[in-house]
Amino acid sequence: MTDFIGYTLVIIGILFDIFGCIGLVRFPDVYNRLQASTKCVTLGTILLLVGVAIVSASGPMAAKAIICAVFILLTSPTAAHAIAKGAYASGVQLWKDSVVDKYAEEERD
């Protein structure tokens, strides 16, 4: 039963990774691409690593997978935020059909 749960998590994780890659190619600007890559790939990779930890059933392999999952959970959103903030600060424009620009609203206040 644990193998079934582990393989299911691995498959779901791979699907999330694929959706994130598709979003990375299809979305119109850097900010939307960052959203797709960060959210989908972070969740997908964490699910994949948790599935590997469940399937491996060995202490060292499961510990390494969980440590990597925690590392990705902490660093991926932080890096995406830094990239988005840097892109905005350097003048990269939002997509022409973007509705809200919170940074511009903060600068006006």
C-alpha atoms as a PDB file:
ATOM      1  CA  MET A   1       0.000   0.000   0.000  1.00  0.00           C
ATOM      2  CA  THR A   2       2.831   2.413   0.776  1.00  0.00           C
ATOM      3  CA  ASP A   3       4.359   1.750  -2.646  1.00  0.00           C
ATOM      4  CA  PHE A   4       1.070   2.704  -4.288  1.00  0.00           C
ATOM      5  CA  ILE A   5       0.898   5.971  -2.313  1.00  0.00           C
ATOM      6  CA  GLY A   6       4.546   6.736  -3.051  1.00  0.00           C
ATOM      7  CA  TYR A   7       4.245   6.083  -6.786  1.00  0.00           C
ATOM      8  CA  THR A   8       1.022   8.113  -6.897  1.00  0.00           C
ATOM      9  CA  LEU A   9       2.821  11.069  -5.290  1.00  0.00           C
ATOM     10  CA  VAL A  10       5.695  10.701  -7.753  1.00  0.00           C
ATOM     11  CA  ILE A  11       3.312  10.724 -10.724  1.00  0.00           C
ATOM     12  CA  ILE A  12       1.381  13.741  -9.390  1.00  0.00           C
ATOM     13  CA  GLY A  13       4.683  15.528  -8.761  1.00  0.00           C
ATOM     14  CA  ILE A  14       5.858  14.868 -12.306  1.00  0.00           C
ATOM     15  CA  LEU A  15       2.548  16.181 -13.660  1.00  0.00           C
ATOM     16  CA  PHE A  16       2.902  19.388 -11.632  1.00  0.00           C
ATOM     17  CA  ASP A  17       6.466  19.782 -12.928  1.00  0.00           C
ATOM     18  CA  ILE A  18       5.246  19.357 -16.504  1.00  0.00           C
ATOM     19  CA  PHE A  19       2.476  21.924 -15.992  1.00  0.00           C
ATOM     20  CA  GLY A  20       5.008  24.354 -14.551  1.00  0.00           C
ATOM     21  CA  CYS A  21       7.256  23.903 -17.583  1.00  0.00           C
ATOM     22  CA  ILE A  22       4.328  24.457 -19.933  1.00  0.00           C
ATOM     23  CA  GLY A  23       3.423  27.631 -18.046  1.00  0.00           C
ATOM     24  CA  LEU A  24       7.040  28.754 -18.250  1.00  0.00           C
ATOM     25  CA  VAL A  25       6.870  28.559 -22.029  1.00  0.00           C
ATOM     26  CA  ARG A  26       3.309  29.793 -22.562  1.00  0.00           C
ATOM     27  CA  PHE A  27       2.873  32.741 -20.190  1.00  0.00           C
ATOM     28  CA  PRO A  28       3.445  36.234 -21.613  1.00  0.00           C
ATOM     29  CA  ASP A  29       5.802  38.004 -19.211  1.00  0.00           C
ATOM     30  CA  VAL A  30       8.482  37.321 -16.628  1.00  0.00           C
ATOM     31  CA  TYR A  31       6.148  37.774 -13.656  1.00  0.00           C
ATOM     32  CA  ASN A  32       3.577  35.245 -14.862  1.00  0.00           C
ATOM     33  CA  ARG A  33       6.351  32.838 -15.793  1.00  0.00           C
ATOM     34  CA  LEU A  34       7.837  33.140 -12.328  1.00  0.00           C
ATOM     35  CA  GLN A  35       4.458  32.366 -10.800  1.00  0.00           C
ATOM     36  CA  ALA A  36       4.043  29.259 -12.940  1.00  0.00           C
ATOM     37  CA  SER A  37       7.530  27.968 -12.391  1.00  0.00           C
ATOM     38  CA  THR A  38       7.644  28.657  -8.670  1.00  0.00           C
ATOM     39  CA  LYS A  39       4.269  27.338  -7.603  1.00  0.00           C
ATOM     40  CA  CYS A  40       3.979  24.311  -9.865  1.00  0.00           C
ATOM     41  CA  VAL A  41       7.575  23.200  -9.820  1.00  0.00           C
ATOM     42  CA  THR A  42       7.949  23.691  -6.063  1.00  0.00           C
ATOM     43  CA  LEU A  43       4.843  21.659  -5.299  1.00  0.00           C
ATOM     44  CA  GLY A  44       5.700  19.080  -7.959  1.00  0.00           C
ATOM     45  CA  THR A  45       9.255  18.576  -6.787  1.00  0.00           C
ATOM     46  CA  ILE A  46       8.211  18.338  -3.139  1.00  0.00           C
ATOM     47  CA  LEU A  47       5.553  15.742  -3.981  1.00  0.00           C
ATOM     48  CA  LEU A  48       8.102  13.823  -6.026  1.00  0.00           C
ATOM     49  CA  LEU A  49      10.621  13.838  -3.178  1.00  0.00           C
ATOM     50  CA  VAL A  50       8.011  12.798  -0.601  1.00  0.00           C
ATOM     51  CA  GLY A  51       6.995   9.957  -2.909  1.00  0.00           C
ATOM     52  CA  VAL A  52      10.615   8.868  -3.199  1.00  0.00           C
ATOM     53  CA  ALA A  53      10.955   8.996   0.595  1.00  0.00           C
ATOM     54  CA  ILE A  54       7.886   6.766   0.983  1.00  0.00           C
ATOM     55  CA  VAL A  55       8.919   4.282  -1.711  1.00  0.00           C
ATOM     56  CA  SER A  56      12.577   4.015  -0.687  1.00  0.00           C
ATOM     57  CA  ALA A  57      11.713   2.748   2.807  1.00  0.00           C
ATOM     58  CA  SER A  58      15.328   3.228   3.840  1.00  0.00           C
ATOM     59  CA  GLY A  59      16.233   5.734   6.508  1.00  0.00           C
ATOM     60  CA  PRO A  60      19.117   7.568   4.809  1.00  0.00           C
ATOM     61  CA  MET A  61      17.395   7.894   1.431  1.00  0.00           C
ATOM     62  CA  ALA A  62      14.135   9.122   2.985  1.00  0.00           C
ATOM     63  CA  ALA A  63      16.015  11.596   5.183  1.00  0.00           C
ATOM     64  CA  LYS A  64      17.889  13.019   2.190  1.00  0.00           C
ATOM     65  CA  ALA A  65      14.651  13.356   0.214  1.00  0.00           C
ATOM     66  CA  ILE A  66      12.902  15.168   3.065  1.00  0.00           C
ATOM     67  CA  ILE A  67      15.893  17.474   3.634  1.00  0.00           C
ATOM     68  CA  CYS A  68      15.900  18.339  -0.081  1.00  0.00           C
ATOM     69  CA  ALA A  69      12.141  18.972   0.004  1.00  0.00           C
ATOM     70  CA  VAL A  70      12.501  21.364   2.934  1.00  0.00           C
ATOM     71  CA  PHE A  71      15.379  23.124   1.180  1.00  0.00           C
ATOM     72  CA  ILE A  72      13.308  23.584  -1.992  1.00  0.00           C
ATOM     73  CA  LEU A  73      10.315  24.764   0.046  1.00  0.00           C
ATOM     74  CA  LEU A  74      12.439  27.488   1.645  1.00  0.00           C
ATOM     75  CA  THR A  75      14.603  28.609  -1.270  1.00  0.00           C
ATOM     76  CA  SER A  76      12.407  28.443  -4.359  1.00  0.00           C
ATOM     77  CA  PRO A  77       9.768  31.034  -3.328  1.00  0.00           C
ATOM     78  CA  THR A  78      12.478  33.271  -1.872  1.00  0.00           C
ATOM     79  CA  ALA A  79      14.496  33.164  -5.083  1.00  0.00           C
ATOM     80  CA  ALA A  80      11.415  33.832  -7.227  1.00  0.00           C
ATOM     81  CA  HIS A  81      10.516  36.834  -5.082  1.00  0.00           C
ATOM     82  CA  ALA A  82      14.048  38.205  -5.398  1.00  0.00           C
ATOM     83  CA  ILE A  83      13.996  37.727  -9.179  1.00  0.00           C
ATOM     84  CA  ALA A  84      10.587  39.414  -9.500  1.00  0.00           C
ATOM     85  CA  LYS A  85      11.639  42.335  -7.288  1.00  0.00           C
ATOM     86  CA  GLY A  86      14.865  42.726  -9.259  1.00  0.00           C
ATOM     87  CA  ALA A  87      13.036  42.593 -12.578  1.00  0.00           C
ATOM     88  CA  TYR A  88      10.588  45.239 -11.402  1.00  0.00           C
ATOM     89  CA  ALA A  89      13.368  47.453 -10.050  1.00  0.00           C
ATOM     90  CA  SER A  90      15.271  47.231 -13.325  1.00  0.00           C
ATOM     91  CA  GLY A  91      12.204  48.352 -15.292  1.00  0.00           C
ATOM     92  CA  VAL A  92      10.849  45.144 -16.811  1.00  0.00           C
ATOM     93  CA  GLN A  93       7.284  45.998 -17.815  1.00  0.00           C
ATOM     94  CA  LEU A  94       4.247  43.974 -16.861  1.00  0.00           C
ATOM     95  CA  TRP A  95       2.161  42.329 -19.558  1.00  0.00           C
ATOM     96  CA  LYS A  96      -0.092  44.893 -21.278  1.00  0.00           C
ATOM     97  CA  ASP A  97      -3.273  43.149 -20.040  1.00  0.00           C
ATOM     98  CA  SER A  98      -2.157  42.995 -16.396  1.00  0.00           C
ATOM     99  CA  VAL A  99      -4.840  44.308 -14.082  1.00  0.00           C
ATOM    100  CA  VAL A 100      -3.046  45.164 -10.819  1.00  0.00           C
ATOM    101  CA  ASP A 101       0.390  46.592 -10.091  1.00  0.00           C
ATOM    102  CA  LYS A 102       0.774  46.611  -6.299  1.00  0.00           C
ATOM    103  CA  TYR A 103       4.341  47.956  -6.375  1.00  0.00           C
ATOM    104  CA  ALA A 104       3.261  51.026  -8.314  1.00  0.00           C
ATOM    105  CA  GLU A 105       0.397  51.581  -5.869  1.00  0.00           C
ATOM    106  CA  GLU A 106       2.838  51.433  -2.936  1.00  0.00           C
ATOM    107  CA  GLU A 107       5.163  53.945  -4.594  1.00  0.00           C
ATOM    108  CA  ARG A 108       2.310  56.451  -5.061  1.00  0.00           C
ATOM    109  CA  ASP A 109       1.324  56.310  -1.380  1.00  0.00           C
END
